[in-house]
Amino acid sequence: MLAYKCQWYGRNLVVIDRWYPSSKVCSHCGHLSEKMPLNVRSWTCRGCGTVHDRDVNAARNILAAGQAVTACGAGIRPQRGNLRPGQRAVKQETRRATAGVPVL
């Protein structure tokens, strides 16, 4: 549903890994908390001491992950066999959206 709506409005849809631990990674220093039950709504990073609201922190991490995918064309956690040994991720130019764009 999102793909066709993005195409309709001339936007890009960026998809990150479904299992990316966005709410458990510190958006300030990148420290990963091992376990965090769902009832924990705010937490303090053991790496840098920053206090996080779980949802706001997850939103920041998802935005950063999406920007990383857009910038270099690689996934946050590439699937096995996605890149050949020695192959690096490189930026992929996006195609210009023309279908469904209103003429001004």
PDB file of N, CA and C in Angstrom:
ATOM      1  N   MET A   1       0.815  -1.179   0.000  1.00  0.00           N
ATOM      2  CA  MET A   1       0.000   0.000   0.000  1.00  0.00           C
ATOM      3  C   MET A   1       0.873   1.263   0.000  1.00  0.00           C
ATOM      4  N   LEU A   2       1.930   1.268   0.790  1.00  0.00           N
ATOM      5  CA  LEU A   2       2.799   2.437   0.837  1.00  0.00           C
ATOM      6  C   LEU A   2       3.554   2.641  -0.467  1.00  0.00           C
ATOM      7  N   ALA A   3       3.940   1.540  -1.114  1.00  0.00           N
ATOM      8  CA  ALA A   3       4.712   1.648  -2.355  1.00  0.00           C
ATOM      9  C   ALA A   3       3.928   2.380  -3.425  1.00  0.00           C
ATOM     10  N   TYR A   4       2.673   2.030  -3.621  1.00  0.00           N
ATOM     11  CA  TYR A   4       1.913   2.694  -4.679  1.00  0.00           C
ATOM     12  C   TYR A   4       1.588   4.133  -4.304  1.00  0.00           C
ATOM     13  N   LYS A   5       1.389   4.420  -3.013  1.00  0.00           N
ATOM     14  CA  LYS A   5       1.128   5.795  -2.605  1.00  0.00           C
ATOM     15  C   LYS A   5       2.363   6.673  -2.804  1.00  0.00           C
ATOM     16  N   CYS A   6       3.533   6.125  -2.507  1.00  0.00           N
ATOM     17  CA  CYS A   6       4.770   6.870  -2.740  1.00  0.00           C
ATOM     18  C   CYS A   6       4.962   7.129  -4.230  1.00  0.00           C
ATOM     19  N   GLN A   7       4.672   6.136  -5.031  1.00  0.00           N
ATOM     20  CA  GLN A   7       4.786   6.298  -6.480  1.00  0.00           C
ATOM     21  C   GLN A   7       3.770   7.330  -6.975  1.00  0.00           C
ATOM     22  N   TRP A   8       2.601   7.314  -6.407  1.00  0.00           N
ATOM     23  CA  TRP A   8       1.529   8.231  -6.767  1.00  0.00           C
ATOM     24  C   TRP A   8       1.927   9.689  -6.520  1.00  0.00           C
ATOM     25  N   TYR A   9       2.598   9.934  -5.380  1.00  0.00           N
ATOM     26  CA  TYR A   9       2.974  11.288  -5.001  1.00  0.00           C
ATOM     27  C   TYR A   9       4.420  11.633  -5.347  1.00  0.00           C
ATOM     28  N   GLY A  10       5.099  10.753  -6.072  1.00  0.00           N
ATOM     29  CA  GLY A  10       6.469  11.039  -6.483  1.00  0.00           C
ATOM     30  C   GLY A  10       7.466  11.014  -5.345  1.00  0.00           C
ATOM     31  N   ARG A  11       7.252  10.149  -4.379  1.00  0.00           N
ATOM     32  CA  ARG A  11       8.143  10.018  -3.222  1.00  0.00           C
ATOM     33  C   ARG A  11       8.896   8.707  -3.290  1.00  0.00           C
ATOM     34  N   ASN A  12       9.975   8.614  -2.519  1.00  0.00           N
ATOM     35  CA  ASN A  12      10.742   7.374  -2.437  1.00  0.00           C
ATOM     36  C   ASN A  12      10.364   6.646  -1.158  1.00  0.00           C
ATOM     37  N   LEU A  13      10.182   5.345  -1.254  1.00  0.00           N
ATOM     38  CA  LEU A  13       9.930   4.513  -0.085  1.00  0.00           C
ATOM     39  C   LEU A  13      11.237   3.837   0.290  1.00  0.00           C
ATOM     40  N   VAL A  14      11.688   4.052   1.504  1.00  0.00           N
ATOM     41  CA  VAL A  14      12.919   3.446   1.993  1.00  0.00           C
ATOM     42  C   VAL A  14      12.531   2.432   3.063  1.00  0.00           C
ATOM     43  N   VAL A  15      12.962   1.198   2.894  1.00  0.00           N
ATOM     44  CA  VAL A  15      12.623   0.127   3.824  1.00  0.00           C
ATOM     45  C   VAL A  15      13.891  -0.305   4.546  1.00  0.00           C
ATOM     46  N   ILE A  16      13.818  -0.370   5.880  1.00  0.00           N
ATOM     47  CA  ILE A  16      14.956  -0.857   6.657  1.00  0.00           C
ATOM     48  C   ILE A  16      14.630  -2.257   7.160  1.00  0.00           C
ATOM     49  N   ASP A  17      15.632  -2.921   7.707  1.00  0.00           N
ATOM     50  CA  ASP A  17      15.482  -4.277   8.215  1.00  0.00           C
ATOM     51  C   ASP A  17      14.382  -4.342   9.271  1.00  0.00           C
ATOM     52  N   ARG A  18      13.489  -5.281   9.121  1.00  0.00           N
ATOM     53  CA  ARG A  18      12.362  -5.441  10.043  1.00  0.00           C
ATOM     54  C   ARG A  18      12.825  -5.683  11.483  1.00  0.00           C
ATOM     55  N   TRP A  19      13.941  -6.349  11.648  1.00  0.00           N
ATOM     56  CA  TRP A  19      14.412  -6.722  12.986  1.00  0.00           C
ATOM     57  C   TRP A  19      15.494  -5.788  13.518  1.00  0.00           C
ATOM     58  N   TYR A  20      15.684  -4.635  12.903  1.00  0.00           N
ATOM     59  CA  TYR A  20      16.651  -3.658  13.393  1.00  0.00           C
ATOM     60  C   TYR A  20      16.216  -3.189  14.791  1.00  0.00           C
ATOM     61  N   PRO A  21      17.084  -3.293  15.806  1.00  0.00           N
ATOM     62  CA  PRO A  21      16.693  -2.973  17.189  1.00  0.00           C
ATOM     63  C   PRO A  21      16.663  -1.463  17.453  1.00  0.00           C
ATOM     64  N   SER A  22      15.795  -0.752  16.779  1.00  0.00           N
ATOM     65  CA  SER A  22      15.786   0.712  16.829  1.00  0.00           C
ATOM     66  C   SER A  22      15.527   1.286  18.217  1.00  0.00           C
ATOM     67  N   SER A  23      14.758   0.616  19.037  1.00  0.00           N
ATOM     68  CA  SER A  23      14.461   1.164  20.361  1.00  0.00           C
ATOM     69  C   SER A  23      15.507   0.782  21.399  1.00  0.00           C
ATOM     70  N   LYS A  24      16.401  -0.150  21.081  1.00  0.00           N
ATOM     71  CA  LYS A  24      17.423  -0.590  22.039  1.00  0.00           C
ATOM     72  C   LYS A  24      18.801  -0.016  21.743  1.00  0.00           C
ATOM     73  N   VAL A  25      18.945   0.729  20.630  1.00  0.00           N
ATOM     74  CA  VAL A  25      20.233   1.323  20.268  1.00  0.00           C
ATOM     75  C   VAL A  25      20.200   2.792  20.661  1.00  0.00           C
ATOM     76  N   CYS A  26      21.232   3.252  21.346  1.00  0.00           N
ATOM     77  CA  CYS A  26      21.313   4.661  21.738  1.00  0.00           C
ATOM     78  C   CYS A  26      21.505   5.511  20.486  1.00  0.00           C
ATOM     79  N   SER A  27      20.620   6.485  20.287  1.00  0.00           N
ATOM     80  CA  SER A  27      20.722   7.344  19.109  1.00  0.00           C
ATOM     81  C   SER A  27      21.849   8.362  19.251  1.00  0.00           C
ATOM     82  N   HIS A  28      22.441   8.454  20.431  1.00  0.00           N
ATOM     83  CA  HIS A  28      23.528   9.405  20.661  1.00  0.00           C
ATOM     84  C   HIS A  28      24.903   8.774  20.435  1.00  0.00           C
ATOM     85  N   CYS A  29      25.127   7.586  21.018  1.00  0.00           N
ATOM     86  CA  CYS A  29      26.458   6.970  20.915  1.00  0.00           C
ATOM     87  C   CYS A  29      26.465   5.631  20.183  1.00  0.00           C
ATOM     88  N   GLY A  30      25.291   5.025  19.957  1.00  0.00           N
ATOM     89  CA  GLY A  30      25.219   3.761  19.231  1.00  0.00           C
ATOM     90  C   GLY A  30      25.317   2.519  20.097  1.00  0.00           C
ATOM     91  N   HIS A  31      25.362   2.682  21.408  1.00  0.00           N
ATOM     92  CA  HIS A  31      25.444   1.528  22.316  1.00  0.00           C
ATOM     93  C   HIS A  31      24.158   0.705  22.236  1.00  0.00           C
ATOM     94  N   LEU A  32      24.302  -0.619  22.147  1.00  0.00           N
ATOM     95  CA  LEU A  32      23.153  -1.529  22.061  1.00  0.00           C
ATOM     96  C   LEU A  32      22.872  -2.143  23.423  1.00  0.00           C
ATOM     97  N   SER A  33      21.668  -1.942  23.932  1.00  0.00           N
ATOM     98  CA  SER A  33      21.252  -2.579  25.181  1.00  0.00           C
ATOM     99  C   SER A  33      20.842  -4.007  24.872  1.00  0.00           C
ATOM    100  N   GLU A  34      21.300  -4.939  25.686  1.00  0.00           N
ATOM    101  CA  GLU A  34      21.040  -6.354  25.432  1.00  0.00           C
ATOM    102  C   GLU A  34      19.560  -6.712  25.533  1.00  0.00           C
ATOM    103  N   LYS A  35      18.974  -6.485  26.680  1.00  0.00           N
ATOM    104  CA  LYS A  35      17.574  -6.843  26.895  1.00  0.00           C
ATOM    105  C   LYS A  35      16.823  -5.616  27.375  1.00  0.00           C
ATOM    106  N   MET A  36      15.605  -5.463  26.854  1.00  0.00           N
ATOM    107  CA  MET A  36      14.765  -4.362  27.293  1.00  0.00           C
ATOM    108  C   MET A  36      13.305  -4.781  27.120  1.00  0.00           C
ATOM    109  N   PRO A  37      12.618  -5.068  28.212  1.00  0.00           N
ATOM    110  CA  PRO A  37      11.209  -5.453  28.108  1.00  0.00           C
ATOM    111  C   PRO A  37      10.377  -4.316  27.513  1.00  0.00           C
ATOM    112  N   LEU A  38       9.250  -4.657  26.911  1.00  0.00           N
ATOM    113  CA  LEU A  38       8.404  -3.666  26.263  1.00  0.00           C
ATOM    114  C   LEU A  38       7.789  -2.666  27.235  1.00  0.00           C
ATOM    115  N   ASN A  39       7.714  -3.005  28.512  1.00  0.00           N
ATOM    116  CA  ASN A  39       7.121  -2.067  29.469  1.00  0.00           C
ATOM    117  C   ASN A  39       8.084  -0.946  29.868  1.00  0.00           C
ATOM    118  N   VAL A  40       9.354  -1.029  29.481  1.00  0.00           N
ATOM    119  CA  VAL A  40      10.323   0.032  29.760  1.00  0.00           C
ATOM    120  C   VAL A  40      10.108   1.131  28.720  1.00  0.00           C
ATOM    121  N   ARG A  41       9.621   2.290  29.141  1.00  0.00           N
ATOM    122  CA  ARG A  41       9.311   3.384  28.215  1.00  0.00           C
ATOM    123  C   ARG A  41      10.417   4.420  28.150  1.00  0.00           C
ATOM    124  N   SER A  42      11.254   4.512  29.168  1.00  0.00           N
ATOM    125  CA  SER A  42      12.420   5.399  29.118  1.00  0.00           C
ATOM    126  C   SER A  42      13.589   4.660  29.747  1.00  0.00           C
ATOM    127  N   TRP A  43      14.788   4.963  29.261  1.00  0.00           N
ATOM    128  CA  TRP A  43      15.978   4.272  29.742  1.00  0.00           C
ATOM    129  C   TRP A  43      17.193   5.174  29.620  1.00  0.00           C
ATOM    130  N   THR A  44      18.215   4.844  30.398  1.00  0.00           N
ATOM    131  CA  THR A  44      19.473   5.591  30.387  1.00  0.00           C
ATOM    132  C   THR A  44      20.543   4.722  29.732  1.00  0.00           C
ATOM    133  N   CYS A  45      21.238   5.291  28.773  1.00  0.00           N
ATOM    134  CA  CYS A  45      22.293   4.562  28.052  1.00  0.00           C
ATOM    135  C   CYS A  45      23.476   4.325  28.979  1.00  0.00           C
ATOM    136  N   ARG A  46      23.958   3.095  28.988  1.00  0.00           N
ATOM    137  CA  ARG A  46      25.130   2.764  29.810  1.00  0.00           C
ATOM    138  C   ARG A  46      26.418   3.248  29.168  1.00  0.00           C
ATOM    139  N   GLY A  47      26.374   3.535  27.875  1.00  0.00           N
ATOM    140  CA  GLY A  47      27.570   4.001  27.177  1.00  0.00           C
ATOM    141  C   GLY A  47      27.872   5.474  27.395  1.00  0.00           C
ATOM    142  N   CYS A  48      26.811   6.320  27.325  1.00  0.00           N
ATOM    143  CA  CYS A  48      27.053   7.761  27.401  1.00  0.00           C
ATOM    144  C   CYS A  48      26.218   8.470  28.465  1.00  0.00           C
ATOM    145  N   GLY A  49      25.247   7.776  29.081  1.00  0.00           N
ATOM    146  CA  GLY A  49      24.442   8.367  30.134  1.00  0.00           C
ATOM    147  C   GLY A  49      23.248   9.175  29.653  1.00  0.00           C
ATOM    148  N   THR A  50      22.973   9.178  28.359  1.00  0.00           N
ATOM    149  CA  THR A  50      21.835   9.916  27.819  1.00  0.00           C
ATOM    150  C   THR A  50      20.530   9.225  28.214  1.00  0.00           C
ATOM    151  N   VAL A  51      19.545  10.008  28.647  1.00  0.00           N
ATOM    152  CA  VAL A  51      18.234   9.467  29.000  1.00  0.00           C
ATOM    153  C   VAL A  51      17.361   9.524  27.743  1.00  0.00           C
ATOM    154  N   HIS A  52      16.744   8.391  27.398  1.00  0.00           N
ATOM    155  CA  HIS A  52      15.948   8.292  26.178  1.00  0.00           C
ATOM    156  C   HIS A  52      14.500   7.952  26.475  1.00  0.00           C
ATOM    157  N   ASP A  53      13.585   8.576  25.740  1.00  0.00           N
ATOM    158  CA  ASP A  53      12.214   8.092  25.636  1.00  0.00           C
ATOM    159  C   ASP A  53      12.289   7.011  24.560  1.00  0.00           C
ATOM    160  N   ARG A  54      11.758   5.846  24.826  1.00  0.00           N
ATOM    161  CA  ARG A  54      11.923   4.702  23.926  1.00  0.00           C
ATOM    162  C   ARG A  54      11.412   4.987  22.517  1.00  0.00           C
ATOM    163  N   ASP A  55      10.238   5.610  22.389  1.00  0.00           N
ATOM    164  CA  ASP A  55       9.650   5.857  21.078  1.00  0.00           C
ATOM    165  C   ASP A  55      10.403   6.938  20.301  1.00  0.00           C
ATOM    166  N   VAL A  56      10.802   7.994  20.979  1.00  0.00           N
ATOM    167  CA  VAL A  56      11.550   9.068  20.324  1.00  0.00           C
ATOM    168  C   VAL A  56      12.905   8.547  19.863  1.00  0.00           C
ATOM    169  N   ASN A  57      13.561   7.767  20.712  1.00  0.00           N
ATOM    170  CA  ASN A  57      14.850   7.174  20.356  1.00  0.00           C
ATOM    171  C   ASN A  57      14.706   6.264  19.131  1.00  0.00           C
ATOM    172  N   ALA A  58      13.662   5.439  19.105  1.00  0.00           N
ATOM    173  CA  ALA A  58      13.433   4.547  17.966  1.00  0.00           C
ATOM    174  C   ALA A  58      13.199   5.357  16.701  1.00  0.00           C
ATOM    175  N   ALA A  59      12.441   6.453  16.794  1.00  0.00           N
ATOM    176  CA  ALA A  59      12.183   7.289  15.623  1.00  0.00           C
ATOM    177  C   ALA A  59      13.474   7.897  15.085  1.00  0.00           C
ATOM    178  N   ARG A  60      14.346   8.347  15.965  1.00  0.00           N
ATOM    179  CA  ARG A  60      15.640   8.907  15.527  1.00  0.00           C
ATOM    180  C   ARG A  60      16.481   7.840  14.832  1.00  0.00           C
ATOM    181  N   ASN A  61      16.514   6.632  15.407  1.00  0.00           N
ATOM    182  CA  ASN A  61      17.303   5.558  14.812  1.00  0.00           C
ATOM    183  C   ASN A  61      16.740   5.112  13.466  1.00  0.00           C
ATOM    184  N   ILE A  62      15.425   5.068  13.330  1.00  0.00           N
ATOM    185  CA  ILE A  62      14.798   4.680  12.062  1.00  0.00           C
ATOM    186  C   ILE A  62      15.090   5.731  10.996  1.00  0.00           C
ATOM    187  N   LEU A  63      15.027   7.004  11.362  1.00  0.00           N
ATOM    188  CA  LEU A  63      15.353   8.075  10.418  1.00  0.00           C
ATOM    189  C   LEU A  63      16.799   7.957   9.957  1.00  0.00           C
ATOM    190  N   ALA A  64      17.721   7.737  10.900  1.00  0.00           N
ATOM    191  CA  ALA A  64      19.142   7.605  10.552  1.00  0.00           C
ATOM    192  C   ALA A  64      19.379   6.382   9.675  1.00  0.00           C
ATOM    193  N   ALA A  65      18.697   5.281   9.978  1.00  0.00           N
ATOM    194  CA  ALA A  65      18.849   4.061   9.179  1.00  0.00           C
ATOM    195  C   ALA A  65      18.325   4.285   7.765  1.00  0.00           C
ATOM    196  N   GLY A  66      17.192   4.956   7.633  1.00  0.00           N
ATOM    197  CA  GLY A  66      16.650   5.258   6.311  1.00  0.00           C
ATOM    198  C   GLY A  66      17.559   6.171   5.520  1.00  0.00           C
ATOM    199  N   GLN A  67      18.160   7.158   6.168  1.00  0.00           N
ATOM    200  CA  GLN A  67      19.091   8.049   5.487  1.00  0.00           C
ATOM    201  C   GLN A  67      20.349   7.311   5.061  1.00  0.00           C
ATOM    202  N   ALA A  68      20.801   6.342   5.861  1.00  0.00           N
ATOM    203  CA  ALA A  68      21.967   5.544   5.484  1.00  0.00           C
ATOM    204  C   ALA A  68      21.664   4.694   4.256  1.00  0.00           C
ATOM    205  N   VAL A  69      20.470   4.128   4.204  1.00  0.00           N
ATOM    206  CA  VAL A  69      20.071   3.334   3.043  1.00  0.00           C
ATOM    207  C   VAL A  69      20.010   4.224   1.808  1.00  0.00           C
ATOM    208  N   THR A  70      19.454   5.416   1.953  1.00  0.00           N
ATOM    209  CA  THR A  70      19.343   6.346   0.834  1.00  0.00           C
ATOM    210  C   THR A  70      20.711   6.815   0.363  1.00  0.00           C
ATOM    211  N   ALA A  71      21.629   7.076   1.299  1.00  0.00           N
ATOM    212  CA  ALA A  71      22.935   7.622   0.949  1.00  0.00           C
ATOM    213  C   ALA A  71      23.831   6.622   0.236  1.00  0.00           C
ATOM    214  N   CYS A  72      23.850   5.375   0.717  1.00  0.00           N
ATOM    215  CA  CYS A  72      24.803   4.428   0.141  1.00  0.00           C
ATOM    216  C   CYS A  72      24.151   3.262  -0.582  1.00  0.00           C
ATOM    217  N   GLY A  73      22.844   3.117  -0.477  1.00  0.00           N
ATOM    218  CA  GLY A  73      22.155   2.042  -1.185  1.00  0.00           C
ATOM    219  C   GLY A  73      22.265   0.695  -0.521  1.00  0.00           C
ATOM    220  N   ALA A  74      22.860   0.643   0.648  1.00  0.00           N
ATOM    221  CA  ALA A  74      23.026  -0.633   1.339  1.00  0.00           C
ATOM    222  C   ALA A  74      22.032  -0.735   2.476  1.00  0.00           C
ATOM    223  N   GLY A  75      21.702  -1.960   2.844  1.00  0.00           N
ATOM    224  CA  GLY A  75      20.823  -2.170   3.977  1.00  0.00           C
ATOM    225  C   GLY A  75      21.559  -1.958   5.276  1.00  0.00           C
ATOM    226  N   ILE A  76      20.817  -1.754   6.332  1.00  0.00           N
ATOM    227  CA  ILE A  76      21.426  -1.600   7.642  1.00  0.00           C
ATOM    228  C   ILE A  76      22.056  -2.919   8.070  1.00  0.00           C
ATOM    229  N   ARG A  77      21.374  -4.000   7.795  1.00  0.00           N
ATOM    230  CA  ARG A  77      21.882  -5.340   8.056  1.00  0.00           C
ATOM    231  C   ARG A  77      21.720  -6.128   6.766  1.00  0.00           C
ATOM    232  N   PRO A  78      22.707  -6.063   5.857  1.00  0.00           N
ATOM    233  CA  PRO A  78      22.544  -6.750   4.578  1.00  0.00           C
ATOM    234  C   PRO A  78      22.294  -8.243   4.763  1.00  0.00           C
ATOM    235  N   GLN A  79      21.415  -8.788   3.943  1.00  0.00           N
ATOM    236  CA  GLN A  79      21.133 -10.212   3.993  1.00  0.00           C
ATOM    237  C   GLN A  79      22.357 -10.987   3.517  1.00  0.00           C
ATOM    238  N   ARG A  80      22.488 -12.217   3.975  1.00  0.00           N
ATOM    239  CA  ARG A  80      23.591 -13.058   3.569  1.00  0.00           C
ATOM    240  C   ARG A  80      23.613 -13.200   2.054  1.00  0.00           C
ATOM    241  N   GLY A  81      24.778 -13.019   1.469  1.00  0.00           N
ATOM    242  CA  GLY A  81      24.901 -13.171   0.030  1.00  0.00           C
ATOM    243  C   GLY A  81      24.489 -11.927  -0.738  1.00  0.00           C
ATOM    244  N   ASN A  82      24.128 -10.861  -0.038  1.00  0.00           N
ATOM    245  CA  ASN A  82      23.708  -9.633  -0.699  1.00  0.00           C
ATOM    246  C   ASN A  82      24.889  -8.975  -1.407  1.00  0.00           C
ATOM    247  N   LEU A  83      26.043  -8.952  -0.763  1.00  0.00           N
ATOM    248  CA  LEU A  83      27.251  -8.400  -1.353  1.00  0.00           C
ATOM    249  C   LEU A  83      28.282  -9.504  -1.521  1.00  0.00           C
ATOM    250  N   ARG A  84      28.957  -9.491  -2.644  1.00  0.00           N
ATOM    251  CA  ARG A  84      30.027 -10.470  -2.872  1.00  0.00           C
ATOM    252  C   ARG A  84      31.243 -10.077  -2.040  1.00  0.00           C
ATOM    253  N   PRO A  85      32.116 -11.036  -1.699  1.00  0.00           N
ATOM    254  CA  PRO A  85      33.317 -10.706  -0.922  1.00  0.00           C
ATOM    255  C   PRO A  85      34.131  -9.631  -1.626  1.00  0.00           C
ATOM    256  N   GLY A  86      34.514  -8.606  -0.902  1.00  0.00           N
ATOM    257  CA  GLY A  86      35.304  -7.524  -1.465  1.00  0.00           C
ATOM    258  C   GLY A  86      34.464  -6.435  -2.115  1.00  0.00           C
ATOM    259  N   GLN A  87      33.173  -6.660  -2.275  1.00  0.00           N
ATOM    260  CA  GLN A  87      32.301  -5.659  -2.890  1.00  0.00           C
ATOM    261  C   GLN A  87      31.818  -4.698  -1.822  1.00  0.00           C
ATOM    262  N   ARG A  88      31.855  -3.424  -2.123  1.00  0.00           N
ATOM    263  CA  ARG A  88      31.413  -2.405  -1.179  1.00  0.00           C
ATOM    264  C   ARG A  88      30.074  -1.838  -1.611  1.00  0.00           C
ATOM    265  N   ALA A  89      29.344  -1.319  -0.664  1.00  0.00           N
ATOM    266  CA  ALA A  89      28.090  -0.655  -0.989  1.00  0.00           C
ATOM    267  C   ALA A  89      28.400   0.711  -1.590  1.00  0.00           C
ATOM    268  N   VAL A  90      27.724   1.069  -2.639  1.00  0.00           N
ATOM    269  CA  VAL A  90      27.923   2.360  -3.274  1.00  0.00           C
ATOM    270  C   VAL A  90      26.580   3.047  -3.427  1.00  0.00           C
ATOM    271  N   LYS A  91      26.634   4.353  -3.542  1.00  0.00           N
ATOM    272  CA  LYS A  91      25.394   5.113  -3.696  1.00  0.00           C
ATOM    273  C   LYS A  91      24.746   4.768  -5.025  1.00  0.00           C
ATOM    274  N   GLN A  92      23.444   4.554  -4.983  1.00  0.00           N
ATOM    275  CA  GLN A  92      22.683   4.280  -6.193  1.00  0.00           C
ATOM    276  C   GLN A  92      21.830   5.498  -6.486  1.00  0.00           C
ATOM    277  N   GLU A  93      21.909   5.979  -7.712  1.00  0.00           N
ATOM    278  CA  GLU A  93      21.099   7.129  -8.095  1.00  0.00           C
ATOM    279  C   GLU A  93      19.645   6.705  -8.204  1.00  0.00           C
ATOM    280  N   THR A  94      18.760   7.519  -7.671  1.00  0.00           N
ATOM    281  CA  THR A  94      17.339   7.204  -7.748  1.00  0.00           C
ATOM    282  C   THR A  94      16.785   7.690  -9.079  1.00  0.00           C
ATOM    283  N   ARG A  95      15.788   6.965  -9.572  1.00  0.00           N
ATOM    284  CA  ARG A  95      15.134   7.384 -10.804  1.00  0.00           C
ATOM    285  C   ARG A  95      14.195   8.526 -10.519  1.00  0.00           C
ATOM    286  N   ARG A  96      14.081   9.413 -11.458  1.00  0.00           N
ATOM    287  CA  ARG A  96      13.199  10.559 -11.294  1.00  0.00           C
ATOM    288  C   ARG A  96      11.758  10.106 -11.425  1.00  0.00           C
ATOM    289  N   ALA A  97      10.930  10.454 -10.463  1.00  0.00           N
ATOM    290  CA  ALA A  97       9.531  10.075 -10.501  1.00  0.00           C
ATOM    291  C   ALA A  97       8.776  11.036 -11.410  1.00  0.00           C
ATOM    292  N   THR A  98       8.092  10.503 -12.406  1.00  0.00           N
ATOM    293  CA  THR A  98       7.322  11.355 -13.305  1.00  0.00           C
ATOM    294  C   THR A  98       5.857  10.953 -13.350  1.00  0.00           C
ATOM    295  N   ALA A  99       5.559   9.682 -13.125  1.00  0.00           N
ATOM    296  CA  ALA A  99       4.178   9.234 -13.175  1.00  0.00           C
ATOM    297  C   ALA A  99       3.411   9.732 -11.969  1.00  0.00           C
ATOM    298  N   GLY A 100       2.267  10.314 -12.197  1.00  0.00           N
ATOM    299  CA  GLY A 100       1.410  10.765 -11.107  1.00  0.00           C
ATOM    300  C   GLY A 100       1.800  12.091 -10.497  1.00  0.00           C
ATOM    301  N   VAL A 101       2.828  12.756 -11.059  1.00  0.00           N
ATOM    302  CA  VAL A 101       3.243  14.057 -10.539  1.00  0.00           C
ATOM    303  C   VAL A 101       2.407  15.121 -11.227  1.00  0.00           C
ATOM    304  N   PRO A 102       1.703  15.954 -10.457  1.00  0.00           N
ATOM    305  CA  PRO A 102       0.875  16.978 -11.095  1.00  0.00           C
ATOM    306  C   PRO A 102       1.726  18.017 -11.816  1.00  0.00           C
ATOM    307  N   VAL A 103       1.239  18.490 -12.929  1.00  0.00           N
ATOM    308  CA  VAL A 103       1.936  19.512 -13.705  1.00  0.00           C
ATOM    309  C   VAL A 103       1.532  20.872 -13.161  1.00  0.00           C
ATOM    310  N   LEU A 104       2.538  21.683 -12.883  1.00  0.00           N
ATOM    311  CA  LEU A 104       2.262  23.030 -12.343  1.00  0.00           C
ATOM    312  C   LEU A 104       2.225  24.048 -13.434  1.00  0.00           C
TER     313      LEU A 104
END
